[in-house]
Amino acid sequence: MPVATAPTAPTAPAGTETEREAAQLQRAVAHLEAVIAAAKQRTPNRRTSTLTTATVDLPAPYAKEQRLLLGQVAAAQCVMAVGTGTVAATEYRRGASALLLGFAPDVTRTQQRYTVVLAAAVAAMRAATPAAGEDVATYRSSFLLGFRLGLAGTFDQETVTTAVATPEAKASGVWLRSTGSGAWAGYTAGRAFLATPE
């Protein structure tokens, strides 16, 4: 005999993107404050840096690609980058910004490292040329995504091309435009950047 279940209440609308990012920031601050409090309890005499934030402007074009690259650099420095996820494409037509949240020295290191990484990516992207007849914006978008993958790890050419083009990559926020031929060129430039001594 079937069991009756109570009707479920309708879900409230998710809110605007700004409200979601503000809520995400509040959760991040609360989490980091809890981590700081726990660290102070373990080592009461240890001096800890203050928690700080910084805003990074991501000018158009390719603001979304820059946002993903910033998120990767920030994660490597143990800094939370709020606003580095996937957002509607219309937001990026005028550029965007992201908020860095972490300890002051880590945030400063993130800003410095991101500037160096972005400068290297843009220099390599400008030196590369798209295939004949290929849209330059598509090529450059895929180049920057490939560069980001080059910083993330070692992959083969098929994996890099697939990661930028598949529906699964699109759902995870890696894919941004129809894939261009720049993904592998960007990947090799990213690997070369990692091999360069600082």
Protein backbone atom coordinates (compact mmCIF):
# COMPACT_ATOMS: atom_id res chain seq x y z
CA MET A 1 0.00 0.00 0.00
CA PRO A 2 1.48 3.38 -0.96
CA VAL A 3 2.48 5.73 1.83
CA ALA A 4 1.18 9.30 1.68
CA THR A 5 3.80 12.04 1.86
CA ALA A 6 3.37 15.63 2.93
CA PRO A 7 3.40 18.15 0.08
CA THR A 8 6.64 20.05 -0.24
CA ALA A 9 6.71 23.81 0.09
CA PRO A 10 7.63 25.74 -3.05
CA THR A 11 11.24 26.90 -3.08
CA ALA A 12 12.03 30.60 -2.92
CA PRO A 13 13.77 32.23 -5.87
CA ALA A 14 17.55 32.02 -5.65
CA GLY A 15 17.98 35.80 -5.61
CA THR A 16 20.19 37.97 -7.73
CA GLU A 17 23.81 37.20 -8.50
CA THR A 18 24.89 40.07 -6.22
CA GLU A 19 22.88 38.65 -3.30
CA ARG A 20 24.38 35.19 -3.85
CA GLU A 21 27.92 36.60 -3.95
CA ALA A 22 27.26 38.64 -0.78
CA ALA A 23 25.99 35.51 0.99
CA GLN A 24 29.02 33.57 -0.24
CA LEU A 25 31.31 36.29 1.10
CA GLN A 26 29.58 36.25 4.50
CA ARG A 27 30.00 32.47 4.73
CA ALA A 28 33.66 32.78 3.73
CA VAL A 29 34.35 35.44 6.36
CA ALA A 30 32.63 33.38 9.06
CA HIS A 31 34.62 30.29 8.06
CA LEU A 32 37.94 32.13 8.10
CA GLU A 33 37.15 33.76 11.45
CA ALA A 34 36.48 30.29 12.88
CA VAL A 35 39.79 29.05 11.47
CA ILE A 36 41.62 32.03 13.01
CA ALA A 37 39.96 31.48 16.39
CA ALA A 38 40.92 27.80 16.35
CA ALA A 39 44.52 28.67 15.44
CA LYS A 40 44.72 31.18 18.30
CA GLN A 41 43.46 28.58 20.76
CA ARG A 42 46.11 26.07 19.66
CA THR A 43 48.94 28.62 19.80
CA PRO A 44 47.94 31.50 22.09
CA ASN A 45 51.30 33.31 21.87
CA ARG A 46 51.57 33.10 18.10
CA ARG A 47 51.12 36.36 16.23
CA THR A 48 48.75 35.97 13.32
CA SER A 49 48.19 38.28 10.38
CA THR A 50 44.93 40.11 10.04
CA LEU A 51 42.21 38.99 7.70
CA THR A 52 41.92 41.34 4.75
CA THR A 53 40.18 41.78 1.44
CA ALA A 54 41.23 43.27 -1.88
CA THR A 55 39.35 43.89 -5.09
CA VAL A 56 40.91 42.91 -8.41
CA ASP A 57 39.56 44.53 -11.56
CA LEU A 58 39.16 42.26 -14.56
CA PRO A 59 38.87 44.47 -17.64
CA ALA A 60 37.08 43.43 -20.81
CA PRO A 61 37.69 41.61 -23.09
CA TYR A 62 38.25 38.13 -21.68
CA ALA A 63 37.14 39.12 -18.16
CA LYS A 64 35.65 35.68 -17.55
CA GLU A 65 38.86 33.93 -18.55
CA GLN A 66 40.82 36.28 -16.28
CA ARG A 67 38.41 35.54 -13.46
CA LEU A 68 39.03 31.80 -13.74
CA LEU A 69 42.80 32.35 -13.90
CA LEU A 70 42.64 34.55 -10.78
CA GLY A 71 40.68 31.87 -8.94
CA GLN A 72 43.37 29.31 -9.71
CA VAL A 73 46.22 31.60 -8.60
CA ALA A 74 44.33 32.54 -5.41
CA ALA A 75 43.66 28.91 -4.50
CA ALA A 76 47.38 28.14 -4.81
CA GLN A 77 48.10 30.93 -2.30
CA CYS A 78 45.37 29.79 0.18
CA VAL A 79 43.24 32.83 -0.61
CA MET A 80 39.53 32.76 -1.34
CA ALA A 81 38.55 34.52 -4.55
CA VAL A 82 34.87 35.45 -4.37
CA GLY A 83 33.20 36.00 -7.69
CA THR A 84 35.45 33.72 -9.75
CA GLY A 85 32.72 31.27 -10.71
CA THR A 86 30.55 31.16 -13.78
CA VAL A 87 28.30 34.19 -14.29
CA ALA A 88 26.09 35.28 -17.19
CA ALA A 89 28.10 36.38 -20.21
CA THR A 90 26.43 39.79 -20.25
CA GLU A 91 28.23 40.73 -17.02
CA TYR A 92 31.60 40.52 -18.74
CA ARG A 93 30.94 42.87 -21.64
CA ARG A 94 32.05 45.83 -19.53
CA GLY A 95 34.58 43.88 -17.48
CA ALA A 96 34.21 42.47 -13.99
CA SER A 97 35.88 42.33 -10.61
CA ALA A 98 36.64 39.73 -7.97
CA LEU A 99 37.20 39.97 -4.24
CA LEU A 100 40.20 38.31 -2.60
CA LEU A 101 39.79 37.24 1.02
CA GLY A 102 42.59 35.92 3.21
CA PHE A 103 45.51 36.84 5.40
CA ALA A 104 47.23 40.08 4.36
CA PRO A 105 50.54 38.54 3.20
CA ASP A 106 48.71 35.84 1.22
CA VAL A 107 46.44 38.39 -0.48
CA THR A 108 49.44 40.54 -1.40
CA ARG A 109 51.28 37.50 -2.79
CA THR A 110 48.17 36.53 -4.77
CA GLN A 111 47.93 39.98 -6.34
CA GLN A 112 51.61 39.96 -7.26
CA ARG A 113 51.54 36.41 -8.61
CA TYR A 114 48.35 37.03 -10.60
CA THR A 115 49.91 40.12 -12.21
CA VAL A 116 52.96 38.10 -13.28
CA VAL A 117 50.87 35.16 -14.55
CA LEU A 118 48.45 37.40 -16.46
CA ALA A 119 51.28 39.39 -18.05
CA ALA A 120 52.94 36.15 -19.20
CA ALA A 121 49.63 34.78 -20.53
CA VAL A 122 48.81 37.95 -22.45
CA ALA A 123 52.32 38.22 -23.91
CA ALA A 124 52.19 34.60 -25.09
CA MET A 125 48.63 35.05 -26.40
CA ARG A 126 49.59 38.10 -28.46
CA ALA A 127 52.61 36.31 -29.91
CA ALA A 128 50.48 33.34 -31.03
CA THR A 129 48.46 33.49 -34.22
CA PRO A 130 45.11 31.82 -34.88
CA ALA A 131 44.52 29.49 -37.79
CA ALA A 132 43.48 31.07 -41.07
CA GLY A 133 39.81 32.04 -40.93
CA GLU A 134 39.45 31.43 -37.18
CA ASP A 135 37.77 34.06 -35.04
CA VAL A 136 40.48 35.88 -33.04
CA ALA A 137 38.28 36.22 -29.92
CA THR A 138 37.53 32.49 -29.88
CA TYR A 139 41.19 31.65 -30.36
CA ARG A 140 42.30 33.97 -27.57
CA SER A 141 39.61 32.73 -25.20
CA SER A 142 40.65 29.12 -25.74
CA PHE A 143 44.33 30.16 -25.45
CA LEU A 144 43.77 31.68 -21.99
CA LEU A 145 41.82 28.61 -20.88
CA GLY A 146 44.60 26.38 -22.15
CA PHE A 147 47.18 28.51 -20.31
CA ARG A 148 45.19 28.01 -17.11
CA LEU A 149 45.20 24.24 -17.67
CA GLY A 150 48.96 24.41 -18.27
CA LEU A 151 49.37 25.88 -14.79
CA ALA A 152 47.08 23.22 -13.30
CA GLY A 153 48.95 20.10 -14.34
CA THR A 154 50.33 17.85 -17.03
CA PHE A 155 47.86 16.71 -19.68
CA ASP A 156 48.05 15.44 -23.25
CA GLN A 157 46.77 17.42 -26.23
CA GLU A 158 43.53 15.47 -26.54
CA THR A 159 42.71 16.03 -22.85
CA VAL A 160 43.35 19.78 -23.09
CA THR A 161 41.25 20.16 -26.23
CA THR A 162 38.45 18.05 -24.75
CA ALA A 163 38.53 19.91 -21.42
CA VAL A 164 37.89 23.19 -23.18
CA ALA A 165 35.16 21.83 -25.50
CA THR A 166 33.01 19.20 -23.76
CA PRO A 167 29.55 19.80 -22.26
CA GLU A 168 30.92 18.56 -18.90
CA ALA A 169 33.58 21.27 -19.01
CA LYS A 170 30.92 23.80 -19.96
CA ALA A 171 28.83 22.81 -16.93
CA SER A 172 31.86 23.09 -14.61
CA GLY A 173 32.72 26.57 -15.82
CA VAL A 174 35.95 25.64 -17.64
CA TRP A 175 34.47 26.08 -21.11
CA LEU A 176 33.43 29.59 -22.12
CA ARG A 177 33.05 29.78 -25.89
CA SER A 178 33.04 27.35 -28.75
CA THR A 179 36.47 25.82 -28.65
CA GLY A 180 39.22 27.45 -30.63
CA SER A 181 42.54 26.05 -31.77
CA GLY A 182 44.34 28.10 -29.10
CA ALA A 183 43.79 25.66 -26.22
CA TRP A 184 46.89 23.57 -26.88
CA ALA A 185 49.06 26.62 -27.68
CA GLY A 186 47.93 28.21 -24.40
CA TYR A 187 48.57 24.99 -22.51
CA THR A 188 52.15 24.71 -23.81
CA ALA A 189 52.74 28.39 -22.98
CA GLY A 190 51.46 27.76 -19.43
CA ARG A 191 53.78 24.76 -19.01
CA ALA A 192 56.70 26.84 -20.33
CA PHE A 193 55.86 29.60 -17.86
CA LEU A 194 56.03 27.10 -14.99
CA ALA A 195 59.41 25.86 -16.20
CA THR A 196 60.83 29.41 -16.25
CA PRO A 197 62.75 30.27 -13.05
CA GLU A 198 61.33 33.24 -11.18
